[in-house]
Amino acid sequence: MTQSQHIIIVDDEAPAREMVGDYLKMHGFTVTLCDGGKSLRGAIETSVPDLVVLDLNMPEEDGLSIIRDLKSRINVPVIMLTATASPIDRVVGLELGADDYVAKPCELRELMARIRSVLRRSSPAKAAAPESAGAKAAKERLVRFGTKWLDLEAQALRDDEGNEHPLTASELANARDSEAFDRAVDLRIMRIRRKIEPDPSKPAVIRTIRGGGYLFSPAGEKA
């Protein structure tokens, strides 16, 4: 029988953590509820979880310091819950090693989708059998770009089924040609968006920053 995945919910508000915990249990997860950093540390001493859902805004110890401490102890995926956290807090959390964030009050179905997505991404690292050097190197050269994967070594763009989507020379980062004009850049971005964006008319992976240019958001976060 396959053991269910273990998720720790950390939130100082009992109703919030219990609501999330009950929802995850209903979907087959093993759940541990913690009211802060101290109880989280005690929980991971007993059992290393598959993922931690962590509220950033707690009175005794803020979520950012908990992420920093947690990542120094174990390599576990973290999803931040942010109610009033500023964009800077979210960025710092991601820089400290958090894998995703969800705004509070959260839609439980969205949280579930993000949990499953993060678990899928982290599962290769938790495989029981050790990877061969060749398999590990193959995974490390793949980078997620919206709906596609970029093979850094082969300089090829592929979808989840392994089908290749050709890139022109001007769409590769190291290309050099005579079209050194803003419009040329805009056209290249438009072509790349058509290949990697879930909805090219509403770009979320390569976002346009007014007056600043373009911003790459690997997780497809919308501004």
C-alpha atoms as a PDB file:
ATOM      1  CA  MET A   1       0.000   0.000   0.000  1.00  0.00           C
ATOM      2  CA  THR A   2       1.387   3.419  -0.977  1.00  0.00           C
ATOM      3  CA  GLN A   3       2.024   5.711   1.988  1.00  0.00           C
ATOM      4  CA  SER A   4       0.169   9.026   1.767  1.00  0.00           C
ATOM      5  CA  GLN A   5       2.226  12.187   1.449  1.00  0.00           C
ATOM      6  CA  HIS A   6       2.789  14.148   4.641  1.00  0.00           C
ATOM      7  CA  ILE A   7       2.069  17.890   4.754  1.00  0.00           C
ATOM      8  CA  ILE A   8       2.650  20.238   7.693  1.00  0.00           C
ATOM      9  CA  ILE A   9       0.377  23.293   7.986  1.00  0.00           C
ATOM     10  CA  VAL A  10       1.876  26.189   9.979  1.00  0.00           C
ATOM     11  CA  ASP A  11      -0.534  28.984  10.939  1.00  0.00           C
ATOM     12  CA  ASP A  12      -1.091  30.773  14.249  1.00  0.00           C
ATOM     13  CA  GLU A  13      -4.839  31.006  13.541  1.00  0.00           C
ATOM     14  CA  ALA A  14      -6.455  27.720  14.559  1.00  0.00           C
ATOM     15  CA  PRO A  15      -9.564  27.985  12.303  1.00  0.00           C
ATOM     16  CA  ALA A  16      -7.412  28.651   9.228  1.00  0.00           C
ATOM     17  CA  ARG A  17      -4.972  25.782   9.762  1.00  0.00           C
ATOM     18  CA  GLU A  18      -7.770  23.365  10.690  1.00  0.00           C
ATOM     19  CA  MET A  19      -9.775  24.273   7.580  1.00  0.00           C
ATOM     20  CA  VAL A  20      -6.772  23.666   5.320  1.00  0.00           C
ATOM     21  CA  GLY A  21      -5.841  20.528   7.245  1.00  0.00           C
ATOM     22  CA  ASP A  22      -9.324  19.022   6.968  1.00  0.00           C
ATOM     23  CA  TYR A  23      -9.423  19.736   3.234  1.00  0.00           C
ATOM     24  CA  LEU A  24      -6.058  18.056   2.629  1.00  0.00           C
ATOM     25  CA  LYS A  25      -7.016  15.035   4.765  1.00  0.00           C
ATOM     26  CA  MET A  26     -10.187  14.702   2.706  1.00  0.00           C
ATOM     27  CA  HIS A  27      -7.950  14.415  -0.377  1.00  0.00           C
ATOM     28  CA  GLY A  28      -5.795  11.657   1.081  1.00  0.00           C
ATOM     29  CA  PHE A  29      -2.854  13.523   2.624  1.00  0.00           C
ATOM     30  CA  THR A  30      -1.392  12.911   6.065  1.00  0.00           C
ATOM     31  CA  VAL A  31      -1.496  16.257   7.890  1.00  0.00           C
ATOM     32  CA  THR A  32       0.251  17.758  10.919  1.00  0.00           C
ATOM     33  CA  LEU A  33      -0.943  21.122  12.275  1.00  0.00           C
ATOM     34  CA  CYS A  34       1.521  23.560  13.867  1.00  0.00           C
ATOM     35  CA  ASP A  35       0.888  26.988  15.432  1.00  0.00           C
ATOM     36  CA  GLY A  36       4.374  28.405  14.798  1.00  0.00           C
ATOM     37  CA  GLY A  37       8.079  27.863  14.301  1.00  0.00           C
ATOM     38  CA  LYS A  38       8.657  26.071  17.608  1.00  0.00           C
ATOM     39  CA  SER A  39       6.018  23.403  17.018  1.00  0.00           C
ATOM     40  CA  LEU A  40       7.186  23.034  13.393  1.00  0.00           C
ATOM     41  CA  ARG A  41      10.734  22.258  14.539  1.00  0.00           C
ATOM     42  CA  GLY A  42       9.396  19.668  16.945  1.00  0.00           C
ATOM     43  CA  ALA A  43       7.300  18.080  14.192  1.00  0.00           C
ATOM     44  CA  ILE A  44      10.173  17.734  11.709  1.00  0.00           C
ATOM     45  CA  GLU A  45      12.311  16.108  14.417  1.00  0.00           C
ATOM     46  CA  THR A  46       9.691  13.339  14.509  1.00  0.00           C
ATOM     47  CA  SER A  47       8.963  13.057  10.793  1.00  0.00           C
ATOM     48  CA  VAL A  48      10.329  14.884   7.741  1.00  0.00           C
ATOM     49  CA  PRO A  49       7.301  16.042   5.694  1.00  0.00           C
ATOM     50  CA  ASP A  50       6.880  16.043   1.929  1.00  0.00           C
ATOM     51  CA  LEU A  51       5.812  19.707   1.968  1.00  0.00           C
ATOM     52  CA  VAL A  52       5.176  22.611   4.366  1.00  0.00           C
ATOM     53  CA  VAL A  53       2.372  25.170   3.969  1.00  0.00           C
ATOM     54  CA  LEU A  54       3.513  28.211   5.946  1.00  0.00           C
ATOM     55  CA  ASP A  55       1.734  31.432   6.923  1.00  0.00           C
ATOM     56  CA  LEU A  56       4.140  34.372   6.553  1.00  0.00           C
ATOM     57  CA  ASN A  57       2.424  36.695   9.042  1.00  0.00           C
ATOM     58  CA  MET A  58       2.663  35.264  12.551  1.00  0.00           C
ATOM     59  CA  PRO A  59       3.200  37.258  15.772  1.00  0.00           C
ATOM     60  CA  GLU A  60       5.917  35.289  17.575  1.00  0.00           C
ATOM     61  CA  GLU A  61       8.200  34.424  14.647  1.00  0.00           C
ATOM     62  CA  ASP A  62       7.611  35.622  11.106  1.00  0.00           C
ATOM     63  CA  GLY A  63       7.451  33.177   8.241  1.00  0.00           C
ATOM     64  CA  LEU A  64      10.584  34.486   6.516  1.00  0.00           C
ATOM     65  CA  SER A  65      12.807  33.604   9.496  1.00  0.00           C
ATOM     66  CA  ILE A  66      11.078  30.216   9.710  1.00  0.00           C
ATOM     67  CA  ILE A  67      11.801  29.543   6.010  1.00  0.00           C
ATOM     68  CA  ARG A  68      15.464  30.494   6.500  1.00  0.00           C
ATOM     69  CA  ASP A  69      15.800  28.181   9.512  1.00  0.00           C
ATOM     70  CA  LEU A  70      13.797  25.340   7.917  1.00  0.00           C
ATOM     71  CA  LYS A  71      15.845  25.347   4.709  1.00  0.00           C
ATOM     72  CA  SER A  72      19.065  25.228   6.761  1.00  0.00           C
ATOM     73  CA  ARG A  73      17.796  22.038   8.417  1.00  0.00           C
ATOM     74  CA  ILE A  74      16.099  20.025   5.666  1.00  0.00           C
ATOM     75  CA  ASN A  75      15.424  20.255   1.932  1.00  0.00           C
ATOM     76  CA  VAL A  76      11.626  20.384   1.963  1.00  0.00           C
ATOM     77  CA  PRO A  77       9.292  22.237  -0.418  1.00  0.00           C
ATOM     78  CA  VAL A  78       7.516  25.264   1.103  1.00  0.00           C
ATOM     79  CA  ILE A  79       4.366  27.077  -0.034  1.00  0.00           C
ATOM     80  CA  MET A  80       3.872  30.487   1.600  1.00  0.00           C
ATOM     81  CA  LEU A  81       0.450  31.791   2.580  1.00  0.00           C
ATOM     82  CA  THR A  82       0.444  35.593   2.369  1.00  0.00           C
ATOM     83  CA  ALA A  83      -2.363  37.782   3.712  1.00  0.00           C
ATOM     84  CA  THR A  84      -0.759  41.226   4.075  1.00  0.00           C
ATOM     85  CA  ALA A  85       2.797  40.409   2.993  1.00  0.00           C
ATOM     86  CA  SER A  86       4.276  42.917   0.578  1.00  0.00           C
ATOM     87  CA  PRO A  87       5.708  41.902  -2.811  1.00  0.00           C
ATOM     88  CA  ILE A  88       9.144  42.329  -1.237  1.00  0.00           C
ATOM     89  CA  ASP A  89       8.278  39.709   1.401  1.00  0.00           C
ATOM     90  CA  ARG A  90       7.196  37.297  -1.318  1.00  0.00           C
ATOM     91  CA  VAL A  91      10.368  37.905  -3.295  1.00  0.00           C
ATOM     92  CA  VAL A  92      12.547  37.425  -0.198  1.00  0.00           C
ATOM     93  CA  GLY A  93      10.659  34.230   0.627  1.00  0.00           C
ATOM     94  CA  LEU A  94      11.297  32.864  -2.856  1.00  0.00           C
ATOM     95  CA  GLU A  95      14.957  33.881  -2.626  1.00  0.00           C
ATOM     96  CA  LEU A  96      15.211  32.028   0.699  1.00  0.00           C
ATOM     97  CA  GLY A  97      14.001  28.861  -0.996  1.00  0.00           C
ATOM     98  CA  ALA A  98      10.192  28.889  -0.882  1.00  0.00           C
ATOM     99  CA  ASP A  99       8.668  27.131  -3.879  1.00  0.00           C
ATOM    100  CA  ASP A 100       5.396  29.029  -4.324  1.00  0.00           C
ATOM    101  CA  TYR A 101       2.937  31.342  -2.595  1.00  0.00           C
ATOM    102  CA  VAL A 102      -0.847  31.662  -2.293  1.00  0.00           C
ATOM    103  CA  ALA A 103      -2.766  34.751  -1.159  1.00  0.00           C
ATOM    104  CA  LYS A 104      -4.993  34.535   1.937  1.00  0.00           C
ATOM    105  CA  PRO A 105      -7.859  33.999   2.260  1.00  0.00           C
ATOM    106  CA  CYS A 106      -7.030  31.223  -0.155  1.00  0.00           C
ATOM    107  CA  GLU A 107      -9.240  29.290  -2.513  1.00  0.00           C
ATOM    108  CA  LEU A 108      -8.726  25.722  -1.293  1.00  0.00           C
ATOM    109  CA  ARG A 109      -8.873  24.254  -4.788  1.00  0.00           C
ATOM    110  CA  GLU A 110      -6.099  26.606  -5.919  1.00  0.00           C
ATOM    111  CA  LEU A 111      -4.000  25.708  -2.888  1.00  0.00           C
ATOM    112  CA  MET A 112      -4.495  22.017  -3.643  1.00  0.00           C
ATOM    113  CA  ALA A 113      -3.442  22.528  -7.268  1.00  0.00           C
ATOM    114  CA  ARG A 114      -0.299  24.380  -6.204  1.00  0.00           C
ATOM    115  CA  ILE A 115       0.545  21.725  -3.601  1.00  0.00           C
ATOM    116  CA  ARG A 116       0.266  18.970  -6.192  1.00  0.00           C
ATOM    117  CA  SER A 117       2.327  20.976  -8.677  1.00  0.00           C
ATOM    118  CA  VAL A 118       5.128  21.583  -6.158  1.00  0.00           C
ATOM    119  CA  LEU A 119       5.073  17.929  -5.079  1.00  0.00           C
ATOM    120  CA  ARG A 120       5.393  16.811  -8.708  1.00  0.00           C
ATOM    121  CA  ARG A 121       8.390  19.101  -9.203  1.00  0.00           C
ATOM    122  CA  SER A 122      10.072  17.928  -6.007  1.00  0.00           C
ATOM    123  CA  SER A 123       9.315  14.206  -6.334  1.00  0.00           C
ATOM    124  CA  PRO A 124      12.425  13.326  -8.441  1.00  0.00           C
ATOM    125  CA  ALA A 125      14.628  14.534  -5.581  1.00  0.00           C
ATOM    126  CA  LYS A 126      12.746  12.228  -3.177  1.00  0.00           C
ATOM    127  CA  ALA A 127      12.960   9.074  -5.302  1.00  0.00           C
ATOM    128  CA  ALA A 128      13.984   6.063  -3.289  1.00  0.00           C
ATOM    129  CA  ALA A 129      16.477   4.747  -5.803  1.00  0.00           C
ATOM    130  CA  PRO A 130      19.626   6.828  -6.349  1.00  0.00           C
ATOM    131  CA  GLU A 131      19.840   8.457  -9.762  1.00  0.00           C
ATOM    132  CA  SER A 132      22.616   7.668 -12.130  1.00  0.00           C
ATOM    133  CA  ALA A 133      24.994  10.514 -12.972  1.00  0.00           C
ATOM    134  CA  GLY A 134      23.654  10.557 -16.521  1.00  0.00           C
ATOM    135  CA  ALA A 135      20.007  10.810 -15.430  1.00  0.00           C
ATOM    136  CA  LYS A 136      20.818  13.568 -12.960  1.00  0.00           C
ATOM    137  CA  ALA A 137      22.717  15.547 -15.602  1.00  0.00           C
ATOM    138  CA  ALA A 138      19.801  15.157 -18.045  1.00  0.00           C
ATOM    139  CA  LYS A 139      17.367  16.636 -15.518  1.00  0.00           C
ATOM    140  CA  GLU A 140      19.672  19.505 -14.598  1.00  0.00           C
ATOM    141  CA  ARG A 141      19.895  20.702 -18.199  1.00  0.00           C
ATOM    142  CA  LEU A 142      16.086  21.061 -18.515  1.00  0.00           C
ATOM    143  CA  VAL A 143      14.504  24.406 -17.600  1.00  0.00           C
ATOM    144  CA  ARG A 144      10.761  25.044 -17.433  1.00  0.00           C
ATOM    145  CA  PHE A 145       9.563  27.833 -19.742  1.00  0.00           C
ATOM    146  CA  GLY A 146       5.789  28.232 -19.409  1.00  0.00           C
ATOM    147  CA  THR A 147       4.151  25.299 -21.184  1.00  0.00           C
ATOM    148  CA  LYS A 148       7.474  23.944 -22.539  1.00  0.00           C
ATOM    149  CA  TRP A 149      10.881  22.623 -21.415  1.00  0.00           C
ATOM    150  CA  LEU A 150      14.142  24.111 -22.710  1.00  0.00           C
ATOM    151  CA  ASP A 151      17.003  21.636 -23.157  1.00  0.00           C
ATOM    152  CA  LEU A 152      20.029  23.846 -22.451  1.00  0.00           C
ATOM    153  CA  GLU A 153      22.535  21.463 -24.018  1.00  0.00           C
ATOM    154  CA  ALA A 154      20.574  20.732 -27.195  1.00  0.00           C
ATOM    155  CA  GLN A 155      19.108  24.276 -27.329  1.00  0.00           C
ATOM    156  CA  ALA A 156      15.734  22.688 -28.096  1.00  0.00           C
ATOM    157  CA  LEU A 157      12.244  23.551 -26.871  1.00  0.00           C
ATOM    158  CA  ARG A 158      10.009  20.553 -26.080  1.00  0.00           C
ATOM    159  CA  ASP A 159       6.509  20.032 -24.687  1.00  0.00           C
ATOM    160  CA  ASP A 160       5.552  17.607 -21.900  1.00  0.00           C
ATOM    161  CA  GLU A 161       5.172  14.780 -24.444  1.00  0.00           C
ATOM    162  CA  GLY A 162       8.710  15.324 -25.742  1.00  0.00           C
ATOM    163  CA  ASN A 163       7.695  16.893 -29.059  1.00  0.00           C
ATOM    164  CA  GLU A 164      10.225  19.473 -30.247  1.00  0.00           C
ATOM    165  CA  HIS A 165       9.184  23.034 -31.125  1.00  0.00           C
ATOM    166  CA  PRO A 166      11.964  24.584 -33.248  1.00  0.00           C
ATOM    167  CA  LEU A 167      13.649  27.818 -32.151  1.00  0.00           C
ATOM    168  CA  THR A 168      15.079  30.249 -34.654  1.00  0.00           C
ATOM    169  CA  ALA A 169      18.584  31.653 -34.167  1.00  0.00           C
ATOM    170  CA  SER A 170      17.171  35.059 -33.167  1.00  0.00           C
ATOM    171  CA  GLU A 171      15.108  33.451 -30.355  1.00  0.00           C
ATOM    172  CA  LEU A 172      18.216  32.031 -28.638  1.00  0.00           C
ATOM    173  CA  ALA A 173      19.762  34.176 -25.912  1.00  0.00           C
ATOM    174  CA  ASN A 174      23.244  34.201 -27.424  1.00  0.00           C
ATOM    175  CA  ALA A 175      22.102  35.259 -30.918  1.00  0.00           C
ATOM    176  CA  ARG A 176      23.759  38.292 -32.506  1.00  0.00           C
ATOM    177  CA  ASP A 177      22.494  40.033 -35.617  1.00  0.00           C
ATOM    178  CA  SER A 178      22.022  43.472 -37.119  1.00  0.00           C
ATOM    179  CA  GLU A 179      18.468  44.017 -35.813  1.00  0.00           C
ATOM    180  CA  ALA A 180      19.520  46.009 -32.754  1.00  0.00           C
ATOM    181  CA  PHE A 181      16.186  47.808 -32.439  1.00  0.00           C
ATOM    182  CA  ASP A 182      13.423  47.673 -29.804  1.00  0.00           C
ATOM    183  CA  ARG A 183      10.867  46.538 -32.380  1.00  0.00           C
ATOM    184  CA  ALA A 184      13.043  43.553 -33.298  1.00  0.00           C
ATOM    185  CA  VAL A 185      13.151  42.544 -29.618  1.00  0.00           C
ATOM    186  CA  ASP A 186       9.371  42.934 -29.338  1.00  0.00           C
ATOM    187  CA  LEU A 187       8.847  40.649 -32.339  1.00  0.00           C
ATOM    188  CA  ARG A 188      11.122  37.972 -30.880  1.00  0.00           C
ATOM    189  CA  ILE A 189       9.320  38.122 -27.535  1.00  0.00           C
ATOM    190  CA  MET A 190       5.988  37.790 -29.362  1.00  0.00           C
ATOM    191  CA  ARG A 191       7.217  34.664 -31.196  1.00  0.00           C
ATOM    192  CA  ILE A 192       8.546  33.081 -27.997  1.00  0.00           C
ATOM    193  CA  ARG A 193       5.288  33.841 -26.159  1.00  0.00           C
ATOM    194  CA  ARG A 194       3.359  31.969 -28.847  1.00  0.00           C
ATOM    195  CA  LYS A 195       5.449  28.895 -28.065  1.00  0.00           C
ATOM    196  CA  ILE A 196       5.554  28.923 -24.256  1.00  0.00           C
ATOM    197  CA  GLU A 197       2.620  30.936 -22.874  1.00  0.00           C
ATOM    198  CA  PRO A 198      -0.552  29.094 -21.785  1.00  0.00           C
ATOM    199  CA  ASP A 199      -2.452  32.118 -23.194  1.00  0.00           C
ATOM    200  CA  PRO A 200      -0.224  34.304 -25.436  1.00  0.00           C
ATOM    201  CA  SER A 201      -2.854  37.084 -25.391  1.00  0.00           C
ATOM    202  CA  LYS A 202      -2.430  37.333 -21.599  1.00  0.00           C
ATOM    203  CA  PRO A 203       1.287  36.687 -21.066  1.00  0.00           C
ATOM    204  CA  ALA A 204       2.212  35.491 -17.576  1.00  0.00           C
ATOM    205  CA  VAL A 205       5.597  33.811 -18.148  1.00  0.00           C
ATOM    206  CA  ILE A 206       7.262  36.695 -20.023  1.00  0.00           C
ATOM    207  CA  ARG A 207       5.581  39.768 -18.560  1.00  0.00           C
ATOM    208  CA  THR A 208       5.758  43.302 -19.949  1.00  0.00           C
ATOM    209  CA  ILE A 209       6.979  45.910 -17.424  1.00  0.00           C
ATOM    210  CA  ARG A 210       5.845  49.349 -18.532  1.00  0.00           C
ATOM    211  CA  GLY A 211       8.882  51.540 -19.091  1.00  0.00           C
ATOM    212  CA  GLY A 212      11.232  48.746 -18.024  1.00  0.00           C
ATOM    213  CA  GLY A 213      11.126  46.005 -20.628  1.00  0.00           C
ATOM    214  CA  TYR A 214      10.337  42.357 -19.956  1.00  0.00           C
ATOM    215  CA  LEU A 215      10.348  40.172 -16.832  1.00  0.00           C
ATOM    216  CA  PHE A 216      10.652  36.368 -16.867  1.00  0.00           C
ATOM    217  CA  SER A 217       8.378  34.660 -14.293  1.00  0.00           C
ATOM    218  CA  PRO A 218       9.134  30.893 -14.313  1.00  0.00           C
ATOM    219  CA  ALA A 219       5.973  30.010 -12.386  1.00  0.00           C
ATOM    220  CA  GLY A 220       3.778  32.085 -14.688  1.00  0.00           C
ATOM    221  CA  GLU A 221       2.763  34.555 -11.969  1.00  0.00           C
ATOM    222  CA  LYS A 222       0.609  37.414 -13.171  1.00  0.00           C
ATOM    223  CA  ALA A 223       1.339  40.972 -12.078  1.00  0.00           C
END
